[in-house]
Amino acid sequence: MGMTPDTPSRQPESVPDFESLYKRFRLPLYRVIRGIVLDGGAAEDLTRRAFDRAYLTWRPEQSTDFAPWLYGVAVGLALDYLSSRWRRLRGLYSRLPLLSPPRPDVLERSAEHVLSRLSPRQRALVVLVVYAGLSDAEVGRTLRMSASEVGLEVDEAARLMQAALSETDHPGVRKRHNP
């Protein structure tokens, strides 16, 4: 598995300034937040807010452990955003008639659909491991969990994601057989 240009390098380096850290982490941080909130516009705003908050509290000597710390700031903002959004929408949803869920053959087989089946905390774990490429130990430091807890929760999230993928299979479509 190679590193992509927008994935932060894991090579030790001299203490960078905040601007270089911003350039290096802007896209990966956006992807993590986008994977949690599932809304591009909100993710852009939250990414900006995460860097604003990080800038106000950043110390150059902490740049060696910058990624877990920055992802922690971003995940906290994303989870707070979802929590406040849910509180606002809960009142609205309580007034609407119960709607039946969409048929499985209508659902798209997309990452967003699969991620939407996870809790916000599970989405945070998955996007930190998959999008940000953090190790279980780094995710643990980011979310204040042990590496073994991270591994167990990621395994549970993977099981739920597999179930979500299974239910989006089109039951009426014959599967192609390999000769």
N, C-alpha and C. Protein backbone atom coordinates (compact mmCIF):
# COMPACT_ATOMS: atom_id res chain seq x y z
N MET A 1 0.85 -1.17 0.00
CA MET A 1 0.00 0.00 0.00
C MET A 1 0.89 1.23 0.00
N GLY A 2 0.86 2.00 -1.04
CA GLY A 2 1.71 3.16 -1.16
C GLY A 2 1.07 4.40 -0.56
N MET A 3 1.88 5.36 -0.33
CA MET A 3 1.39 6.64 0.19
C MET A 3 0.94 7.48 -1.00
N THR A 4 -0.18 8.12 -0.88
CA THR A 4 -0.66 9.01 -1.92
C THR A 4 -0.17 10.42 -1.61
N PRO A 5 -0.12 11.31 -2.61
CA PRO A 5 0.41 12.65 -2.38
C PRO A 5 -0.31 13.42 -1.29
N ASP A 6 -1.59 13.13 -1.03
CA ASP A 6 -2.32 13.87 -0.02
C ASP A 6 -2.33 13.16 1.34
N THR A 7 -1.58 12.08 1.46
CA THR A 7 -1.45 11.39 2.73
C THR A 7 -0.20 11.88 3.43
N PRO A 8 -0.33 12.27 4.70
CA PRO A 8 0.85 12.77 5.40
C PRO A 8 1.95 11.70 5.46
N SER A 9 3.17 12.12 5.31
CA SER A 9 4.32 11.23 5.38
C SER A 9 4.56 10.82 6.82
N ARG A 10 5.08 9.64 7.02
CA ARG A 10 5.41 9.18 8.36
C ARG A 10 6.91 9.32 8.65
N GLN A 11 7.64 9.98 7.79
CA GLN A 11 9.07 10.16 7.96
C GLN A 11 9.34 11.29 8.95
N PRO A 12 10.30 11.11 9.87
CA PRO A 12 10.63 12.19 10.78
C PRO A 12 11.19 13.38 10.01
N GLU A 13 10.93 14.56 10.51
CA GLU A 13 11.39 15.77 9.83
C GLU A 13 11.65 16.85 10.86
N SER A 14 12.23 17.95 10.41
CA SER A 14 12.47 19.05 11.31
C SER A 14 11.13 19.68 11.70
N VAL A 15 11.13 20.47 12.72
CA VAL A 15 9.90 21.08 13.22
C VAL A 15 9.37 22.04 12.15
N PRO A 16 8.21 21.72 11.57
CA PRO A 16 7.66 22.58 10.51
C PRO A 16 6.86 23.74 11.11
N ASP A 17 6.63 24.74 10.29
CA ASP A 17 5.76 25.81 10.73
C ASP A 17 4.31 25.40 10.48
N PHE A 18 3.39 26.16 11.05
CA PHE A 18 1.98 25.78 10.97
C PHE A 18 1.48 25.78 9.53
N GLU A 19 1.95 26.71 8.71
CA GLU A 19 1.50 26.78 7.32
C GLU A 19 1.83 25.49 6.55
N SER A 20 3.03 24.98 6.77
CA SER A 20 3.38 23.73 6.08
C SER A 20 2.56 22.55 6.60
N LEU A 21 2.24 22.56 7.91
CA LEU A 21 1.37 21.51 8.46
C LEU A 21 -0.03 21.62 7.87
N TYR A 22 -0.51 22.85 7.69
CA TYR A 22 -1.81 23.06 7.08
C TYR A 22 -1.84 22.48 5.66
N LYS A 23 -0.83 22.81 4.87
CA LYS A 23 -0.79 22.32 3.49
C LYS A 23 -0.73 20.80 3.46
N ARG A 24 -0.01 20.22 4.38
CA ARG A 24 0.18 18.77 4.41
C ARG A 24 -1.08 18.02 4.87
N PHE A 25 -1.84 18.60 5.79
CA PHE A 25 -2.96 17.90 6.40
C PHE A 25 -4.34 18.37 5.94
N ARG A 26 -4.41 19.42 5.13
CA ARG A 26 -5.71 19.99 4.76
C ARG A 26 -6.63 18.95 4.11
N LEU A 27 -6.18 18.31 3.07
CA LEU A 27 -7.03 17.34 2.37
C LEU A 27 -7.29 16.08 3.20
N PRO A 28 -6.28 15.49 3.83
CA PRO A 28 -6.57 14.32 4.66
C PRO A 28 -7.55 14.63 5.80
N LEU A 29 -7.42 15.81 6.41
CA LEU A 29 -8.33 16.17 7.49
C LEU A 29 -9.75 16.36 6.95
N TYR A 30 -9.87 17.00 5.81
CA TYR A 30 -11.19 17.16 5.18
C TYR A 30 -11.82 15.79 4.95
N ARG A 31 -11.06 14.85 4.43
CA ARG A 31 -11.60 13.52 4.14
C ARG A 31 -12.08 12.82 5.41
N VAL A 32 -11.34 12.96 6.48
CA VAL A 32 -11.75 12.36 7.74
C VAL A 32 -13.06 12.98 8.22
N ILE A 33 -13.14 14.29 8.21
CA ILE A 33 -14.35 14.97 8.66
C ILE A 33 -15.51 14.63 7.73
N ARG A 34 -15.28 14.61 6.43
CA ARG A 34 -16.32 14.29 5.45
C ARG A 34 -16.86 12.88 5.68
N GLY A 35 -15.97 11.97 6.01
CA GLY A 35 -16.38 10.61 6.29
C GLY A 35 -17.23 10.48 7.55
N ILE A 36 -17.08 11.41 8.46
CA ILE A 36 -17.86 11.37 9.70
C ILE A 36 -19.20 12.07 9.52
N VAL A 37 -19.19 13.29 8.96
CA VAL A 37 -20.43 14.06 8.88
C VAL A 37 -21.24 13.78 7.62
N LEU A 38 -20.61 13.19 6.61
CA LEU A 38 -21.29 12.83 5.35
C LEU A 38 -21.93 14.02 4.66
N ASP A 39 -21.28 15.17 4.76
CA ASP A 39 -21.80 16.39 4.15
C ASP A 39 -20.60 17.24 3.75
N GLY A 40 -20.42 17.44 2.43
CA GLY A 40 -19.25 18.16 1.93
C GLY A 40 -19.15 19.59 2.42
N GLY A 41 -20.24 20.32 2.40
CA GLY A 41 -20.22 21.71 2.84
C GLY A 41 -19.88 21.83 4.32
N ALA A 42 -20.51 21.00 5.12
CA ALA A 42 -20.22 21.01 6.55
C ALA A 42 -18.77 20.59 6.80
N ALA A 43 -18.29 19.63 6.03
CA ALA A 43 -16.90 19.17 6.20
C ALA A 43 -15.92 20.28 5.88
N GLU A 44 -16.20 21.08 4.86
CA GLU A 44 -15.32 22.21 4.54
C GLU A 44 -15.28 23.20 5.70
N ASP A 45 -16.45 23.53 6.23
CA ASP A 45 -16.52 24.47 7.35
C ASP A 45 -15.83 23.90 8.59
N LEU A 46 -16.06 22.64 8.88
CA LEU A 46 -15.45 22.02 10.05
C LEU A 46 -13.94 21.88 9.90
N THR A 47 -13.47 21.65 8.68
CA THR A 47 -12.02 21.59 8.45
C THR A 47 -11.40 22.94 8.74
N ARG A 48 -12.02 23.99 8.26
CA ARG A 48 -11.53 25.35 8.54
C ARG A 48 -11.53 25.61 10.04
N ARG A 49 -12.62 25.24 10.71
CA ARG A 49 -12.71 25.45 12.16
C ARG A 49 -11.68 24.63 12.92
N ALA A 50 -11.40 23.42 12.45
CA ALA A 50 -10.39 22.58 13.11
C ALA A 50 -9.02 23.24 13.02
N PHE A 51 -8.68 23.77 11.85
CA PHE A 51 -7.40 24.44 11.71
C PHE A 51 -7.37 25.74 12.50
N ASP A 52 -8.49 26.45 12.56
CA ASP A 52 -8.54 27.66 13.39
C ASP A 52 -8.26 27.32 14.85
N ARG A 53 -8.93 26.30 15.34
CA ARG A 53 -8.75 25.87 16.73
C ARG A 53 -7.32 25.37 16.95
N ALA A 54 -6.83 24.60 16.00
CA ALA A 54 -5.48 24.06 16.12
C ALA A 54 -4.45 25.20 16.15
N TYR A 55 -4.64 26.20 15.31
CA TYR A 55 -3.70 27.31 15.25
C TYR A 55 -3.63 28.05 16.59
N LEU A 56 -4.79 28.21 17.22
CA LEU A 56 -4.83 28.95 18.48
C LEU A 56 -4.14 28.20 19.62
N THR A 57 -4.06 26.89 19.54
CA THR A 57 -3.50 26.10 20.64
C THR A 57 -2.21 25.37 20.28
N TRP A 58 -1.74 25.52 19.05
CA TRP A 58 -0.57 24.78 18.57
C TRP A 58 0.72 25.32 19.17
N ARG A 59 1.60 24.39 19.51
CA ARG A 59 2.95 24.71 19.95
C ARG A 59 3.90 23.98 19.01
N PRO A 60 4.91 24.64 18.44
CA PRO A 60 5.81 24.00 17.47
C PRO A 60 6.43 22.71 17.97
N GLU A 61 6.71 22.61 19.26
CA GLU A 61 7.35 21.40 19.78
C GLU A 61 6.42 20.17 19.74
N GLN A 62 5.13 20.37 19.57
CA GLN A 62 4.22 19.23 19.52
C GLN A 62 4.06 18.68 18.09
N SER A 63 4.77 19.22 17.14
CA SER A 63 4.57 18.80 15.75
C SER A 63 4.97 17.35 15.50
N THR A 64 5.75 16.74 16.40
CA THR A 64 6.09 15.33 16.20
C THR A 64 4.88 14.43 16.40
N ASP A 65 3.93 14.87 17.20
CA ASP A 65 2.71 14.09 17.43
C ASP A 65 1.51 14.88 16.92
N PHE A 66 1.72 15.65 15.85
CA PHE A 66 0.72 16.57 15.35
C PHE A 66 -0.50 15.86 14.77
N ALA A 67 -0.30 14.78 14.00
CA ALA A 67 -1.42 14.13 13.32
C ALA A 67 -2.49 13.63 14.30
N PRO A 68 -2.15 12.80 15.28
CA PRO A 68 -3.21 12.35 16.20
C PRO A 68 -3.88 13.52 16.93
N TRP A 69 -3.10 14.53 17.31
CA TRP A 69 -3.67 15.67 17.99
C TRP A 69 -4.65 16.43 17.08
N LEU A 70 -4.23 16.70 15.84
CA LEU A 70 -5.08 17.42 14.91
C LEU A 70 -6.33 16.61 14.56
N TYR A 71 -6.17 15.32 14.31
CA TYR A 71 -7.34 14.48 14.04
C TYR A 71 -8.28 14.46 15.24
N GLY A 72 -7.72 14.50 16.44
CA GLY A 72 -8.56 14.55 17.64
C GLY A 72 -9.39 15.82 17.69
N VAL A 73 -8.77 16.95 17.34
CA VAL A 73 -9.50 18.23 17.28
C VAL A 73 -10.63 18.12 16.25
N ALA A 74 -10.30 17.59 15.08
CA ALA A 74 -11.29 17.49 13.98
C ALA A 74 -12.42 16.54 14.33
N VAL A 75 -12.10 15.39 14.88
CA VAL A 75 -13.13 14.40 15.23
C VAL A 75 -14.04 14.98 16.30
N GLY A 76 -13.46 15.67 17.27
CA GLY A 76 -14.28 16.30 18.30
C GLY A 76 -15.27 17.30 17.72
N LEU A 77 -14.80 18.14 16.80
CA LEU A 77 -15.69 19.11 16.15
C LEU A 77 -16.77 18.40 15.33
N ALA A 78 -16.38 17.35 14.60
CA ALA A 78 -17.35 16.64 13.76
C ALA A 78 -18.42 15.98 14.62
N LEU A 79 -18.02 15.35 15.72
CA LEU A 79 -18.99 14.69 16.59
C LEU A 79 -19.89 15.72 17.28
N ASP A 80 -19.32 16.86 17.69
CA ASP A 80 -20.13 17.94 18.26
C ASP A 80 -21.14 18.46 17.24
N TYR A 81 -20.69 18.62 15.99
CA TYR A 81 -21.58 19.08 14.92
C TYR A 81 -22.76 18.11 14.76
N LEU A 82 -22.46 16.81 14.70
CA LEU A 82 -23.53 15.83 14.52
C LEU A 82 -24.47 15.81 15.72
N SER A 83 -23.93 15.94 16.90
CA SER A 83 -24.74 15.95 18.11
C SER A 83 -25.69 17.14 18.13
N SER A 84 -25.17 18.32 17.82
CA SER A 84 -26.03 19.51 17.82
C SER A 84 -27.04 19.45 16.68
N ARG A 85 -26.63 18.93 15.55
CA ARG A 85 -27.54 18.78 14.41
C ARG A 85 -28.67 17.82 14.76
N TRP A 86 -28.31 16.72 15.43
CA TRP A 86 -29.33 15.74 15.82
C TRP A 86 -30.32 16.34 16.81
N ARG A 87 -29.83 17.12 17.77
CA ARG A 87 -30.75 17.75 18.72
C ARG A 87 -31.73 18.68 18.01
N ARG A 88 -31.22 19.45 17.01
CA ARG A 88 -32.11 20.35 16.27
C ARG A 88 -33.13 19.59 15.44
N LEU A 89 -32.69 18.49 14.80
CA LEU A 89 -33.58 17.75 13.92
C LEU A 89 -34.53 16.82 14.66
N ARG A 90 -34.15 16.41 15.87
CA ARG A 90 -34.99 15.47 16.61
C ARG A 90 -36.41 16.02 16.79
N GLY A 91 -36.52 17.30 17.12
CA GLY A 91 -37.84 17.91 17.27
C GLY A 91 -38.63 17.89 15.98
N LEU A 92 -37.97 18.15 14.86
CA LEU A 92 -38.63 18.13 13.56
C LEU A 92 -39.09 16.72 13.21
N TYR A 93 -38.20 15.73 13.38
CA TYR A 93 -38.55 14.36 13.04
C TYR A 93 -39.68 13.82 13.90
N SER A 94 -39.78 14.28 15.13
CA SER A 94 -40.84 13.78 16.00
C SER A 94 -42.22 14.21 15.50
N ARG A 95 -42.26 15.26 14.67
CA ARG A 95 -43.53 15.75 14.13
C ARG A 95 -43.90 15.13 12.78
N LEU A 96 -42.96 14.44 12.15
CA LEU A 96 -43.21 13.86 10.84
C LEU A 96 -43.80 12.46 10.97
N PRO A 97 -44.64 12.03 10.01
CA PRO A 97 -45.13 10.65 10.06
C PRO A 97 -43.98 9.68 9.81
N LEU A 98 -44.09 8.50 10.37
CA LEU A 98 -43.05 7.49 10.20
C LEU A 98 -42.99 7.09 8.73
N LEU A 99 -41.82 7.18 8.15
CA LEU A 99 -41.63 6.83 6.75
C LEU A 99 -41.02 5.45 6.66
N SER A 100 -41.43 4.71 5.65
CA SER A 100 -40.82 3.39 5.48
C SER A 100 -39.44 3.56 4.87
N PRO A 101 -38.50 2.69 5.24
CA PRO A 101 -37.14 2.81 4.69
C PRO A 101 -37.15 2.49 3.20
N PRO A 102 -36.18 3.02 2.46
CA PRO A 102 -36.13 2.73 1.03
C PRO A 102 -35.86 1.24 0.79
N ARG A 103 -36.37 0.74 -0.33
CA ARG A 103 -36.12 -0.66 -0.68
C ARG A 103 -34.64 -0.87 -0.94
N PRO A 104 -34.11 -2.05 -0.61
CA PRO A 104 -32.68 -2.30 -0.82
C PRO A 104 -32.25 -2.12 -2.27
N ASP A 105 -33.14 -2.41 -3.24
CA ASP A 105 -32.73 -2.28 -4.64
C ASP A 105 -32.64 -0.82 -5.08
N VAL A 106 -33.12 0.11 -4.23
CA VAL A 106 -33.04 1.52 -4.55
C VAL A 106 -31.76 2.14 -3.98
N LEU A 107 -31.27 1.54 -2.92
CA LEU A 107 -30.08 2.09 -2.26
C LEU A 107 -28.85 1.93 -3.13
N GLU A 108 -28.03 2.94 -3.17
CA GLU A 108 -26.78 2.84 -3.92
C GLU A 108 -25.75 2.12 -3.08
N ARG A 109 -24.85 1.47 -3.76
CA ARG A 109 -23.76 0.78 -3.10
C ARG A 109 -22.59 1.74 -2.99
N SER A 110 -22.69 2.66 -2.06
CA SER A 110 -21.68 3.69 -1.97
C SER A 110 -21.04 3.70 -0.59
N ALA A 111 -19.87 4.28 -0.53
CA ALA A 111 -19.19 4.40 0.76
C ALA A 111 -20.02 5.24 1.72
N GLU A 112 -20.66 6.26 1.19
CA GLU A 112 -21.46 7.13 2.05
C GLU A 112 -22.63 6.36 2.65
N HIS A 113 -23.28 5.52 1.84
CA HIS A 113 -24.39 4.73 2.37
C HIS A 113 -23.89 3.80 3.47
N VAL A 114 -22.79 3.14 3.21
CA VAL A 114 -22.26 2.20 4.18
C VAL A 114 -21.85 2.93 5.46
N LEU A 115 -21.16 4.06 5.32
CA LEU A 115 -20.75 4.82 6.49
C LEU A 115 -21.96 5.37 7.25
N SER A 116 -23.03 5.68 6.54
CA SER A 116 -24.21 6.22 7.22
C SER A 116 -24.85 5.21 8.16
N ARG A 117 -24.55 3.95 7.98
CA ARG A 117 -25.09 2.90 8.85
C ARG A 117 -24.33 2.79 10.17
N LEU A 118 -23.20 3.45 10.26
CA LEU A 118 -22.39 3.40 11.47
C LEU A 118 -22.71 4.58 12.38
N SER A 119 -22.43 4.41 13.65
CA SER A 119 -22.57 5.54 14.58
C SER A 119 -21.48 6.56 14.25
N PRO A 120 -21.64 7.80 14.66
CA PRO A 120 -20.59 8.79 14.41
C PRO A 120 -19.23 8.36 14.95
N ARG A 121 -19.20 7.75 16.11
CA ARG A 121 -17.93 7.29 16.69
C ARG A 121 -17.31 6.20 15.82
N GLN A 122 -18.13 5.27 15.32
CA GLN A 122 -17.61 4.21 14.45
C GLN A 122 -17.10 4.81 13.14
N ARG A 123 -17.82 5.80 12.60
CA ARG A 123 -17.34 6.46 11.38
C ARG A 123 -16.00 7.11 11.63
N ALA A 124 -15.86 7.75 12.80
CA ALA A 124 -14.58 8.38 13.13
C ALA A 124 -13.46 7.34 13.12
N LEU A 125 -13.70 6.20 13.73
CA LEU A 125 -12.68 5.15 13.76
C LEU A 125 -12.32 4.69 12.34
N VAL A 126 -13.34 4.42 11.54
CA VAL A 126 -13.09 3.90 10.19
C VAL A 126 -12.35 4.92 9.34
N VAL A 127 -12.77 6.18 9.36
CA VAL A 127 -12.10 7.15 8.49
C VAL A 127 -10.69 7.45 8.97
N LEU A 128 -10.45 7.38 10.27
CA LEU A 128 -9.09 7.60 10.76
C LEU A 128 -8.17 6.46 10.34
N VAL A 129 -8.69 5.24 10.32
CA VAL A 129 -7.88 4.09 9.91
C VAL A 129 -7.74 4.04 8.39
N VAL A 130 -8.86 4.20 7.67
CA VAL A 130 -8.85 4.01 6.22
C VAL A 130 -8.39 5.28 5.49
N TYR A 131 -9.03 6.42 5.73
CA TYR A 131 -8.70 7.63 5.00
C TYR A 131 -7.39 8.24 5.47
N ALA A 132 -7.24 8.35 6.80
CA ALA A 132 -6.04 9.01 7.33
C ALA A 132 -4.86 8.07 7.44
N GLY A 133 -5.11 6.77 7.42
CA GLY A 133 -4.03 5.79 7.48
C GLY A 133 -3.34 5.72 8.83
N LEU A 134 -4.05 6.09 9.90
CA LEU A 134 -3.45 6.03 11.23
C LEU A 134 -3.45 4.59 11.74
N SER A 135 -2.48 4.27 12.56
CA SER A 135 -2.43 2.95 13.19
C SER A 135 -3.44 2.91 14.33
N ASP A 136 -3.72 1.71 14.84
CA ASP A 136 -4.64 1.58 15.97
C ASP A 136 -4.14 2.39 17.16
N ALA A 137 -2.84 2.39 17.38
CA ALA A 137 -2.27 3.15 18.50
C ALA A 137 -2.48 4.65 18.30
N GLU A 138 -2.29 5.15 17.08
CA GLU A 138 -2.49 6.57 16.80
C GLU A 138 -3.96 6.94 16.93
N VAL A 139 -4.85 6.07 16.44
CA VAL A 139 -6.28 6.33 16.60
C VAL A 139 -6.63 6.33 18.08
N GLY A 140 -6.03 5.41 18.84
CA GLY A 140 -6.27 5.36 20.28
C GLY A 140 -5.86 6.66 20.96
N ARG A 141 -4.70 7.19 20.59
CA ARG A 141 -4.28 8.48 21.16
C ARG A 141 -5.23 9.59 20.74
N THR A 142 -5.69 9.54 19.51
CA THR A 142 -6.59 10.57 19.00
C THR A 142 -7.92 10.57 19.75
N LEU A 143 -8.48 9.38 19.97
CA LEU A 143 -9.81 9.26 20.58
C LEU A 143 -9.76 8.85 22.05
N ARG A 144 -8.57 8.82 22.61
CA ARG A 144 -8.37 8.46 24.02
C ARG A 144 -8.94 7.06 24.33
N MET A 145 -8.45 6.10 23.56
CA MET A 145 -8.82 4.69 23.71
C MET A 145 -7.54 3.87 23.66
N SER A 146 -7.63 2.62 24.10
CA SER A 146 -6.48 1.74 23.93
C SER A 146 -6.47 1.22 22.49
N ALA A 147 -5.30 0.80 22.04
CA ALA A 147 -5.18 0.26 20.68
C ALA A 147 -6.04 -0.98 20.53
N SER A 148 -6.15 -1.80 21.57
CA SER A 148 -6.98 -3.01 21.48
C SER A 148 -8.47 -2.65 21.37
N GLU A 149 -8.90 -1.61 22.09
CA GLU A 149 -10.29 -1.15 21.96
C GLU A 149 -10.57 -0.68 20.53
N VAL A 150 -9.61 0.04 19.96
CA VAL A 150 -9.75 0.52 18.59
C VAL A 150 -9.91 -0.66 17.65
N GLY A 151 -9.04 -1.68 17.80
CA GLY A 151 -9.12 -2.85 16.95
C GLY A 151 -10.46 -3.55 17.04
N LEU A 152 -10.98 -3.71 18.25
CA LEU A 152 -12.28 -4.36 18.44
C LEU A 152 -13.41 -3.54 17.81
N GLU A 153 -13.37 -2.23 18.01
CA GLU A 153 -14.44 -1.39 17.46
C GLU A 153 -14.36 -1.29 15.94
N VAL A 154 -13.16 -1.29 15.39
CA VAL A 154 -13.02 -1.28 13.92
C VAL A 154 -13.53 -2.60 13.35
N ASP A 155 -13.26 -3.72 14.03
CA ASP A 155 -13.79 -5.01 13.58
C ASP A 155 -15.31 -5.01 13.58
N GLU A 156 -15.92 -4.44 14.62
CA GLU A 156 -17.38 -4.37 14.70
C GLU A 156 -17.92 -3.46 13.59
N ALA A 157 -17.26 -2.34 13.35
CA ALA A 157 -17.68 -1.43 12.28
C ALA A 157 -17.58 -2.14 10.93
N ALA A 158 -16.53 -2.92 10.72
CA ALA A 158 -16.37 -3.66 9.46
C ALA A 158 -17.51 -4.66 9.28
N ARG A 159 -17.90 -5.31 10.37
CA ARG A 159 -19.02 -6.26 10.30
C ARG A 159 -20.31 -5.53 9.90
N LEU A 160 -20.56 -4.39 10.50
CA LEU A 160 -21.76 -3.60 10.17
C LEU A 160 -21.72 -3.10 8.73
N MET A 161 -20.53 -2.71 8.28
CA MET A 161 -20.39 -2.23 6.90
C MET A 161 -20.65 -3.37 5.92
N GLN A 162 -20.17 -4.56 6.24
CA GLN A 162 -20.41 -5.72 5.38
C GLN A 162 -21.90 -6.02 5.31
N ALA A 163 -22.58 -5.92 6.44
CA ALA A 163 -24.03 -6.14 6.46
C ALA A 163 -24.75 -5.10 5.61
N ALA A 164 -24.30 -3.85 5.69
CA ALA A 164 -24.92 -2.78 4.89
C ALA A 164 -24.69 -3.04 3.40
N LEU A 165 -23.51 -3.52 3.04
CA LEU A 165 -23.24 -3.85 1.64
C LEU A 165 -24.12 -5.01 1.18
N SER A 166 -24.32 -5.99 2.04
CA SER A 166 -25.14 -7.15 1.69
C SER A 166 -26.58 -6.75 1.43
N GLU A 167 -27.10 -5.84 2.22
CA GLU A 167 -28.50 -5.46 2.03
C GLU A 167 -28.71 -4.59 0.81
N THR A 168 -27.65 -4.02 0.25
CA THR A 168 -27.82 -3.23 -0.97
C THR A 168 -27.71 -4.08 -2.22
N ASP A 169 -27.39 -5.36 -2.07
CA ASP A 169 -27.38 -6.24 -3.24
C ASP A 169 -28.78 -6.29 -3.83
N HIS A 170 -28.88 -6.32 -5.13
CA HIS A 170 -30.16 -6.36 -5.80
C HIS A 170 -30.67 -7.79 -5.83
N PRO A 171 -31.72 -8.10 -5.07
CA PRO A 171 -32.18 -9.48 -5.00
C PRO A 171 -32.73 -10.01 -6.32
N GLY A 172 -33.27 -9.14 -7.16
CA GLY A 172 -33.87 -9.60 -8.40
C GLY A 172 -32.88 -9.75 -9.55
N VAL A 173 -31.65 -9.37 -9.35
CA VAL A 173 -30.66 -9.41 -10.42
C VAL A 173 -29.81 -10.66 -10.25
N ARG A 174 -29.71 -11.43 -11.34
CA ARG A 174 -28.88 -12.64 -11.27
C ARG A 174 -27.43 -12.26 -11.25
N LYS A 175 -26.69 -12.95 -10.43
CA LYS A 175 -25.25 -12.71 -10.35
C LYS A 175 -24.58 -13.37 -11.54
N ARG A 176 -23.55 -12.72 -12.06
CA ARG A 176 -22.81 -13.23 -13.20
C ARG A 176 -21.93 -14.38 -12.72
N HIS A 177 -21.92 -15.44 -13.46
CA HIS A 177 -21.09 -16.60 -13.14
C HIS A 177 -19.82 -16.55 -13.97
N ASN A 178 -18.71 -16.83 -13.31
CA ASN A 178 -17.42 -16.89 -14.03
C ASN A 178 -17.29 -18.27 -14.68
N PRO A 179 -16.93 -18.34 -15.97
CA PRO A 179 -16.80 -19.64 -16.62
C PRO A 179 -15.62 -20.41 -16.12
